Amino acid sequence: MSTAAERDAIATLAEKAFPYFEANQVKWRSKPVTQARLALAIEALADHMRAKRPDIATMTGLTAYREEDGIHLTIELGTLPLD
């Protein structure tokens, strides 16, 4: 169960990240990503990282990885061609 401080941190991350998902029209299960869905996804990634203790976990547009100081979250800004 998350604390109020953790819920606030997740909401802040979702608020900061949402414009990138909106601008790139990212979809999860054929539905546009909303700020609320993004917050739930961040929470789910954090819960997974704590429960299963993997070094890395990903979903479309998000990557969570473990460092000594905590769980870090990266946002995919786009892709570049391989050639």
PDB file of N, CA and C in Angstrom:
ATOM      1  N   MET A   1       0.843  -1.178   0.000  1.00  0.00           N
ATOM      2  CA  MET A   1       0.000   0.000   0.000  1.00  0.00           C
ATOM      3  C   MET A   1       0.889   1.242   0.000  1.00  0.00           C
ATOM      4  N   SER A   2       0.528   2.219  -0.779  1.00  0.00           N
ATOM      5  CA  SER A   2       1.346   3.419  -0.886  1.00  0.00           C
ATOM      6  C   SER A   2       0.958   4.462   0.156  1.00  0.00           C
ATOM      7  N   THR A   3       1.923   5.278   0.499  1.00  0.00           N
ATOM      8  CA  THR A   3       1.692   6.354   1.447  1.00  0.00           C
ATOM      9  C   THR A   3       1.193   7.589   0.697  1.00  0.00           C
ATOM     10  N   ALA A   4       0.727   8.566   1.437  1.00  0.00           N
ATOM     11  CA  ALA A   4       0.273   9.815   0.815  1.00  0.00           C
ATOM     12  C   ALA A   4       1.422  10.496   0.075  1.00  0.00           C
ATOM     13  N   ALA A   5       2.610  10.478   0.654  1.00  0.00           N
ATOM     14  CA  ALA A   5       3.766  11.102   0.011  1.00  0.00           C
ATOM     15  C   ALA A   5       4.108  10.396  -1.297  1.00  0.00           C
ATOM     16  N   GLU A   6       4.005   9.060  -1.299  1.00  0.00           N
ATOM     17  CA  GLU A   6       4.291   8.315  -2.521  1.00  0.00           C
ATOM     18  C   GLU A   6       3.228   8.592  -3.585  1.00  0.00           C
ATOM     19  N   ARG A   7       1.973   8.658  -3.178  1.00  0.00           N
ATOM     20  CA  ARG A   7       0.905   8.966  -4.134  1.00  0.00           C
ATOM     21  C   ARG A   7       1.113  10.357  -4.738  1.00  0.00           C
ATOM     22  N   ASP A   8       1.535  11.320  -3.917  1.00  0.00           N
ATOM     23  CA  ASP A   8       1.823  12.662  -4.427  1.00  0.00           C
ATOM     24  C   ASP A   8       2.987  12.641  -5.408  1.00  0.00           C
ATOM     25  N   ALA A   9       4.023  11.873  -5.101  1.00  0.00           N
ATOM     26  CA  ALA A   9       5.178  11.771  -5.988  1.00  0.00           C
ATOM     27  C   ALA A   9       4.785  11.138  -7.320  1.00  0.00           C
ATOM     28  N   ILE A  10       3.962  10.095  -7.260  1.00  0.00           N
ATOM     29  CA  ILE A  10       3.494   9.437  -8.486  1.00  0.00           C
ATOM     30  C   ILE A  10       2.642  10.400  -9.305  1.00  0.00           C
ATOM     31  N   ALA A  11       1.754  11.131  -8.665  1.00  0.00           N
ATOM     32  CA  ALA A  11       0.917  12.109  -9.377  1.00  0.00           C
ATOM     33  C   ALA A  11       1.772  13.180 -10.039  1.00  0.00           C
ATOM     34  N   THR A  12       2.818  13.618  -9.356  1.00  0.00           N
ATOM     35  CA  THR A  12       3.722  14.627  -9.922  1.00  0.00           C
ATOM     36  C   THR A  12       4.463  14.076 -11.127  1.00  0.00           C
ATOM     37  N   LEU A  13       4.957  12.833 -11.029  1.00  0.00           N
ATOM     38  CA  LEU A  13       5.630  12.208 -12.167  1.00  0.00           C
ATOM     39  C   LEU A  13       4.686  12.082 -13.358  1.00  0.00           C
ATOM     40  N   ALA A  14       3.462  11.644 -13.099  1.00  0.00           N
ATOM     41  CA  ALA A  14       2.481  11.490 -14.176  1.00  0.00           C
ATOM     42  C   ALA A  14       2.176  12.843 -14.820  1.00  0.00           C
ATOM     43  N   GLU A  15       2.068  13.874 -14.016  1.00  0.00           N
ATOM     44  CA  GLU A  15       1.794  15.213 -14.542  1.00  0.00           C
ATOM     45  C   GLU A  15       2.935  15.696 -15.432  1.00  0.00           C
ATOM     46  N   LYS A  16       4.174  15.426 -15.020  1.00  0.00           N
ATOM     47  CA  LYS A  16       5.335  15.833 -15.817  1.00  0.00           C
ATOM     48  C   LYS A  16       5.464  15.012 -17.094  1.00  0.00           C
ATOM     49  N   ALA A  17       5.160  13.720 -17.011  1.00  0.00           N
ATOM     50  CA  ALA A  17       5.348  12.821 -18.146  1.00  0.00           C
ATOM     51  C   ALA A  17       4.219  12.879 -19.164  1.00  0.00           C
ATOM     52  N   PHE A  18       3.026  13.204 -18.729  1.00  0.00           N
ATOM     53  CA  PHE A  18       1.859  13.129 -19.601  1.00  0.00           C
ATOM     54  C   PHE A  18       2.001  13.883 -20.917  1.00  0.00           C
ATOM     55  N   PRO A  19       2.555  15.091 -20.956  1.00  0.00           N
ATOM     56  CA  PRO A  19       2.654  15.792 -22.241  1.00  0.00           C
ATOM     57  C   PRO A  19       3.401  15.006 -23.319  1.00  0.00           C
ATOM     58  N   TYR A  20       4.395  14.207 -22.940  1.00  0.00           N
ATOM     59  CA  TYR A  20       5.137  13.411 -23.917  1.00  0.00           C
ATOM     60  C   TYR A  20       4.262  12.301 -24.488  1.00  0.00           C
ATOM     61  N   PHE A  21       3.464  11.671 -23.640  1.00  0.00           N
ATOM     62  CA  PHE A  21       2.569  10.612 -24.101  1.00  0.00           C
ATOM     63  C   PHE A  21       1.472  11.197 -24.980  1.00  0.00           C
ATOM     64  N   GLU A  22       0.961  12.345 -24.593  1.00  0.00           N
ATOM     65  CA  GLU A  22      -0.094  13.008 -25.362  1.00  0.00           C
ATOM     66  C   GLU A  22       0.432  13.460 -26.725  1.00  0.00           C
ATOM     67  N   ALA A  23       1.603  14.084 -26.747  1.00  0.00           N
ATOM     68  CA  ALA A  23       2.174  14.599 -27.999  1.00  0.00           C
ATOM     69  C   ALA A  23       2.498  13.475 -28.975  1.00  0.00           C
ATOM     70  N   ASN A  24       2.916  12.327 -28.453  1.00  0.00           N
ATOM     71  CA  ASN A  24       3.272  11.190 -29.308  1.00  0.00           C
ATOM     72  C   ASN A  24       2.117  10.226 -29.522  1.00  0.00           C
ATOM     73  N   GLN A  25       0.959  10.577 -29.005  1.00  0.00           N
ATOM     74  CA  GLN A  25      -0.266   9.786 -29.161  1.00  0.00           C
ATOM     75  C   GLN A  25      -0.042   8.319 -28.794  1.00  0.00           C
ATOM     76  N   VAL A  26       0.631   8.099 -27.664  1.00  0.00           N
ATOM     77  CA  VAL A  26       0.900   6.748 -27.184  1.00  0.00           C
ATOM     78  C   VAL A  26      -0.417   6.103 -26.760  1.00  0.00           C
ATOM     79  N   LYS A  27      -0.570   4.824 -27.122  1.00  0.00           N
ATOM     80  CA  LYS A  27      -1.770   4.086 -26.746  1.00  0.00           C
ATOM     81  C   LYS A  27      -1.374   2.819 -26.015  1.00  0.00           C
ATOM     82  N   TRP A  28      -2.142   2.484 -25.007  1.00  0.00           N
ATOM     83  CA  TRP A  28      -2.008   1.225 -24.297  1.00  0.00           C
ATOM     84  C   TRP A  28      -3.296   0.466 -24.494  1.00  0.00           C
ATOM     85  N   ARG A  29      -3.177  -0.749 -25.011  1.00  0.00           N
ATOM     86  CA  ARG A  29      -4.354  -1.582 -25.306  1.00  0.00           C
ATOM     87  C   ARG A  29      -5.377  -0.819 -26.133  1.00  0.00           C
ATOM     88  N   SER A  30      -4.875  -0.145 -27.146  1.00  0.00           N
ATOM     89  CA  SER A  30      -5.688   0.602 -28.123  1.00  0.00           C
ATOM     90  C   SER A  30      -6.415   1.804 -27.544  1.00  0.00           C
ATOM     91  N   LYS A  31      -6.073   2.215 -26.327  1.00  0.00           N
ATOM     92  CA  LYS A  31      -6.703   3.386 -25.726  1.00  0.00           C
ATOM     93  C   LYS A  31      -5.645   4.448 -25.477  1.00  0.00           C
ATOM     94  N   PRO A  32      -5.973   5.715 -25.731  1.00  0.00           N
ATOM     95  CA  PRO A  32      -5.005   6.781 -25.450  1.00  0.00           C
ATOM     96  C   PRO A  32      -4.614   6.804 -23.975  1.00  0.00           C
ATOM     97  N   VAL A  33      -3.361   7.137 -23.723  1.00  0.00           N
ATOM     98  CA  VAL A  33      -2.873   7.244 -22.346  1.00  0.00           C
ATOM     99  C   VAL A  33      -3.382   8.545 -21.747  1.00  0.00           C
ATOM    100  N   THR A  34      -4.043   8.444 -20.606  1.00  0.00           N
ATOM    101  CA  THR A  34      -4.475   9.633 -19.871  1.00  0.00           C
ATOM    102  C   THR A  34      -3.520   9.822 -18.691  1.00  0.00           C
ATOM    103  N   GLN A  35      -3.581  10.964 -18.088  1.00  0.00           N
ATOM    104  CA  GLN A  35      -2.722  11.221 -16.933  1.00  0.00           C
ATOM    105  C   GLN A  35      -3.037  10.245 -15.803  1.00  0.00           C
ATOM    106  N   ALA A  36      -4.302   9.920 -15.622  1.00  0.00           N
ATOM    107  CA  ALA A  36      -4.698   8.972 -14.573  1.00  0.00           C
ATOM    108  C   ALA A  36      -4.169   7.566 -14.871  1.00  0.00           C
ATOM    109  N   ARG A  37      -4.264   7.123 -16.114  1.00  0.00           N
ATOM    110  CA  ARG A  37      -3.736   5.803 -16.485  1.00  0.00           C
ATOM    111  C   ARG A  37      -2.225   5.762 -16.329  1.00  0.00           C
ATOM    112  N   LEU A  38      -1.580   6.877 -16.646  1.00  0.00           N
ATOM    113  CA  LEU A  38      -0.137   6.965 -16.499  1.00  0.00           C
ATOM    114  C   LEU A  38       0.269   6.838 -15.026  1.00  0.00           C
ATOM    115  N   ALA A  39      -0.465   7.506 -14.140  1.00  0.00           N
ATOM    116  CA  ALA A  39      -0.186   7.408 -12.705  1.00  0.00           C
ATOM    117  C   ALA A  39      -0.351   5.970 -12.223  1.00  0.00           C
ATOM    118  N   LEU A  40      -1.400   5.293 -12.678  1.00  0.00           N
ATOM    119  CA  LEU A  40      -1.613   3.894 -12.300  1.00  0.00           C
ATOM    120  C   LEU A  40      -0.484   3.007 -12.816  1.00  0.00           C
ATOM    121  N   ALA A  41      -0.007   3.275 -14.020  1.00  0.00           N
ATOM    122  CA  ALA A  41       1.086   2.489 -14.595  1.00  0.00           C
ATOM    123  C   ALA A  41       2.383   2.699 -13.815  1.00  0.00           C
ATOM    124  N   ILE A  42       2.661   3.937 -13.438  1.00  0.00           N
ATOM    125  CA  ILE A  42       3.858   4.224 -12.650  1.00  0.00           C
ATOM    126  C   ILE A  42       3.785   3.500 -11.311  1.00  0.00           C
ATOM    127  N   GLU A  43       2.619   3.540 -10.690  1.00  0.00           N
ATOM    128  CA  GLU A  43       2.429   2.842  -9.418  1.00  0.00           C
ATOM    129  C   GLU A  43       2.622   1.339  -9.588  1.00  0.00           C
ATOM    130  N   ALA A  44       2.082   0.781 -10.665  1.00  0.00           N
ATOM    131  CA  ALA A  44       2.214  -0.653 -10.923  1.00  0.00           C
ATOM    132  C   ALA A  44       3.679  -1.038 -11.163  1.00  0.00           C
ATOM    133  N   LEU A  45       4.410  -0.207 -11.908  1.00  0.00           N
ATOM    134  CA  LEU A  45       5.830  -0.479 -12.130  1.00  0.00           C
ATOM    135  C   LEU A  45       6.600  -0.450 -10.807  1.00  0.00           C
ATOM    136  N   ALA A  46       6.325   0.541  -9.973  1.00  0.00           N
ATOM    137  CA  ALA A  46       7.000   0.643  -8.682  1.00  0.00           C
ATOM    138  C   ALA A  46       6.668  -0.563  -7.798  1.00  0.00           C
ATOM    139  N   ASP A  47       5.403  -0.963  -7.773  1.00  0.00           N
ATOM    140  CA  ASP A  47       4.996  -2.135  -6.987  1.00  0.00           C
ATOM    141  C   ASP A  47       5.707  -3.393  -7.489  1.00  0.00           C
ATOM    142  N   HIS A  48       5.782  -3.544  -8.807  1.00  0.00           N
ATOM    143  CA  HIS A  48       6.457  -4.697  -9.403  1.00  0.00           C
ATOM    144  C   HIS A  48       7.939  -4.708  -9.035  1.00  0.00           C
ATOM    145  N   MET A  49       8.572  -3.535  -9.115  1.00  0.00           N
ATOM    146  CA  MET A  49       9.997  -3.441  -8.802  1.00  0.00           C
ATOM    147  C   MET A  49      10.250  -3.796  -7.337  1.00  0.00           C
ATOM    148  N   ARG A  50       9.337  -3.435  -6.469  1.00  0.00           N
ATOM    149  CA  ARG A  50       9.509  -3.751  -5.037  1.00  0.00           C
ATOM    150  C   ARG A  50       9.217  -5.221  -4.742  1.00  0.00           C
ATOM    151  N   ALA A  51       8.165  -5.753  -5.333  1.00  0.00           N
ATOM    152  CA  ALA A  51       7.741  -7.117  -5.022  1.00  0.00           C
ATOM    153  C   ALA A  51       8.653  -8.176  -5.654  1.00  0.00           C
ATOM    154  N   LYS A  52       8.962  -8.008  -6.912  1.00  0.00           N
ATOM    155  CA  LYS A  52       9.734  -9.025  -7.640  1.00  0.00           C
ATOM    156  C   LYS A  52      11.234  -8.757  -7.622  1.00  0.00           C
ATOM    157  N   ARG A  53      11.619  -7.519  -7.297  1.00  0.00           N
ATOM    158  CA  ARG A  53      13.015  -7.094  -7.201  1.00  0.00           C
ATOM    159  C   ARG A  53      13.829  -7.270  -8.484  1.00  0.00           C
ATOM    160  N   PRO A  54      13.225  -7.015  -9.666  1.00  0.00           N
ATOM    161  CA  PRO A  54      14.022  -7.094 -10.892  1.00  0.00           C
ATOM    162  C   PRO A  54      14.923  -5.855 -11.003  1.00  0.00           C
ATOM    163  N   ASP A  55      15.906  -5.922 -11.872  1.00  0.00           N
ATOM    164  CA  ASP A  55      16.770  -4.769 -12.109  1.00  0.00           C
ATOM    165  C   ASP A  55      16.100  -3.753 -13.027  1.00  0.00           C
ATOM    166  N   ILE A  56      15.185  -4.251 -13.885  1.00  0.00           N
ATOM    167  CA  ILE A  56      14.542  -3.375 -14.862  1.00  0.00           C
ATOM    168  C   ILE A  56      13.147  -3.912 -15.185  1.00  0.00           C
ATOM    169  N   ALA A  57      12.221  -3.004 -15.479  1.00  0.00           N
ATOM    170  CA  ALA A  57      10.870  -3.376 -15.919  1.00  0.00           C
ATOM    171  C   ALA A  57      10.435  -2.326 -16.943  1.00  0.00           C
ATOM    172  N   THR A  58       9.742  -2.757 -17.978  1.00  0.00           N
ATOM    173  CA  THR A  58       9.333  -1.825 -19.027  1.00  0.00           C
ATOM    174  C   THR A  58       7.875  -2.019 -19.396  1.00  0.00           C
ATOM    175  N   MET A  59       7.308  -0.974 -19.955  1.00  0.00           N
ATOM    176  CA  MET A  59       6.022  -1.015 -20.635  1.00  0.00           C
ATOM    177  C   MET A  59       6.093   0.066 -21.707  1.00  0.00           C
ATOM    178  N   THR A  60       5.174   0.120 -22.613  1.00  0.00           N
ATOM    179  CA  THR A  60       5.237   1.063 -23.719  1.00  0.00           C
ATOM    180  C   THR A  60       5.459   2.486 -23.221  1.00  0.00           C
ATOM    181  N   GLY A  61       6.615   3.029 -23.557  1.00  0.00           N
ATOM    182  CA  GLY A  61       6.925   4.404 -23.223  1.00  0.00           C
ATOM    183  C   GLY A  61       7.561   4.627 -21.869  1.00  0.00           C
ATOM    184  N   LEU A  62       7.602   3.604 -21.006  1.00  0.00           N
ATOM    185  CA  LEU A  62       8.162   3.751 -19.656  1.00  0.00           C
ATOM    186  C   LEU A  62       9.170   2.646 -19.370  1.00  0.00           C
ATOM    187  N   THR A  63      10.225   3.001 -18.679  1.00  0.00           N
ATOM    188  CA  THR A  63      11.184   2.019 -18.183  1.00  0.00           C
ATOM    189  C   THR A  63      11.524   2.369 -16.744  1.00  0.00           C
ATOM    190  N   ALA A  64      11.474   1.383 -15.882  1.00  0.00           N
ATOM    191  CA  ALA A  64      11.875   1.561 -14.486  1.00  0.00           C
ATOM    192  C   ALA A  64      13.123   0.715 -14.273  1.00  0.00           C
ATOM    193  N   TYR A  65      14.108   1.268 -13.586  1.00  0.00           N
ATOM    194  CA  TYR A  65      15.302   0.500 -13.271  1.00  0.00           C
ATOM    195  C   TYR A  65      15.758   0.812 -11.856  1.00  0.00           C
ATOM    196  N   ARG A  66      16.447  -0.152 -11.290  1.00  0.00           N
ATOM    197  CA  ARG A  66      16.877  -0.069  -9.898  1.00  0.00           C
ATOM    198  C   ARG A  66      18.299   0.466  -9.822  1.00  0.00           C
ATOM    199  N   GLU A  67      18.496   1.418  -8.925  1.00  0.00           N
ATOM    200  CA  GLU A  67      19.822   1.940  -8.571  1.00  0.00           C
ATOM    201  C   GLU A  67      19.931   1.886  -7.056  1.00  0.00           C
ATOM    202  N   GLU A  68      21.108   2.176  -6.528  1.00  0.00           N
ATOM    203  CA  GLU A  68      21.299   2.126  -5.082  1.00  0.00           C
ATOM    204  C   GLU A  68      20.407   3.121  -4.334  1.00  0.00           C
ATOM    205  N   ASP A  69      20.105   4.255  -4.976  1.00  0.00           N
ATOM    206  CA  ASP A  69      19.322   5.290  -4.297  1.00  0.00           C
ATOM    207  C   ASP A  69      17.821   5.159  -4.498  1.00  0.00           C
ATOM    208  N   GLY A  70      17.377   4.167  -5.262  1.00  0.00           N
ATOM    209  CA  GLY A  70      15.944   3.966  -5.443  1.00  0.00           C
ATOM    210  C   GLY A  70      15.592   3.486  -6.838  1.00  0.00           C
ATOM    211  N   ILE A  71      14.316   3.597  -7.166  1.00  0.00           N
ATOM    212  CA  ILE A  71      13.803   3.194  -8.473  1.00  0.00           C
ATOM    213  C   ILE A  71      13.760   4.433  -9.365  1.00  0.00           C
ATOM    214  N   HIS A  72      14.385   4.341 -10.519  1.00  0.00           N
ATOM    215  CA  HIS A  72      14.404   5.442 -11.475  1.00  0.00           C
ATOM    216  C   HIS A  72      13.421   5.135 -12.598  1.00  0.00           C
ATOM    217  N   LEU A  73      12.803   6.163 -13.127  1.00  0.00           N
ATOM    218  CA  LEU A  73      11.819   6.014 -14.190  1.00  0.00           C
ATOM    219  C   LEU A  73      12.244   6.847 -15.379  1.00  0.00           C
ATOM    220  N   THR A  74      12.295   6.231 -16.557  1.00  0.00           N
ATOM    221  CA  THR A  74      12.613   6.970 -17.771  1.00  0.00           C
ATOM    222  C   THR A  74      11.403   6.955 -18.695  1.00  0.00           C
ATOM    223  N   ILE A  75      11.308   7.988 -19.505  1.00  0.00           N
ATOM    224  CA  ILE A  75      10.203   8.149 -20.449  1.00  0.00           C
ATOM    225  C   ILE A  75      10.776   8.102 -21.849  1.00  0.00           C
ATOM    226  N   GLU A  76      10.164   7.319 -22.714  1.00  0.00           N
ATOM    227  CA  GLU A  76      10.585   7.261 -24.112  1.00  0.00           C
ATOM    228  C   GLU A  76      10.067   8.503 -24.823  1.00  0.00           C
ATOM    229  N   LEU A  77      10.984   9.277 -25.360  1.00  0.00           N
ATOM    230  CA  LEU A  77      10.590  10.503 -26.051  1.00  0.00           C
ATOM    231  C   LEU A  77      10.302  10.275 -27.523  1.00  0.00           C
ATOM    232  N   GLY A  78      10.776   9.184 -28.065  1.00  0.00           N
ATOM    233  CA  GLY A  78      10.574   8.897 -29.475  1.00  0.00           C
ATOM    234  C   GLY A  78      11.607   7.893 -29.932  1.00  0.00           C
ATOM    235  N   THR A  79      11.626   7.625 -31.220  1.00  0.00           N
ATOM    236  CA  THR A  79      12.581   6.691 -31.776  1.00  0.00           C
ATOM    237  C   THR A  79      13.304   7.322 -32.955  1.00  0.00           C
ATOM    238  N   LEU A  80      14.473   6.808 -33.226  1.00  0.00           N
ATOM    239  CA  LEU A  80      15.271   7.229 -34.375  1.00  0.00           C
ATOM    240  C   LEU A  80      15.433   6.032 -35.295  1.00  0.00           C
ATOM    241  N   PRO A  81      15.550   6.253 -36.605  1.00  0.00           N
ATOM    242  CA  PRO A  81      15.744   5.127 -37.522  1.00  0.00           C
ATOM    243  C   PRO A  81      17.106   4.463 -37.296  1.00  0.00           C
ATOM    244  N   LEU A  82      17.166   3.167 -37.543  1.00  0.00           N
ATOM    245  CA  LEU A  82      18.415   2.438 -37.386  1.00  0.00           C
ATOM    246  C   LEU A  82      19.421   2.754 -38.496  1.00  0.00           C
ATOM    247  N   ASP A  83      18.945   3.046 -39.674  1.00  0.00           N
ATOM    248  CA  ASP A  83      19.847   3.324 -40.824  1.00  0.00           C
ATOM    249  C   ASP A  83      20.221   4.762 -40.897  1.00  0.00           C
TER     250      ASP A  83
END
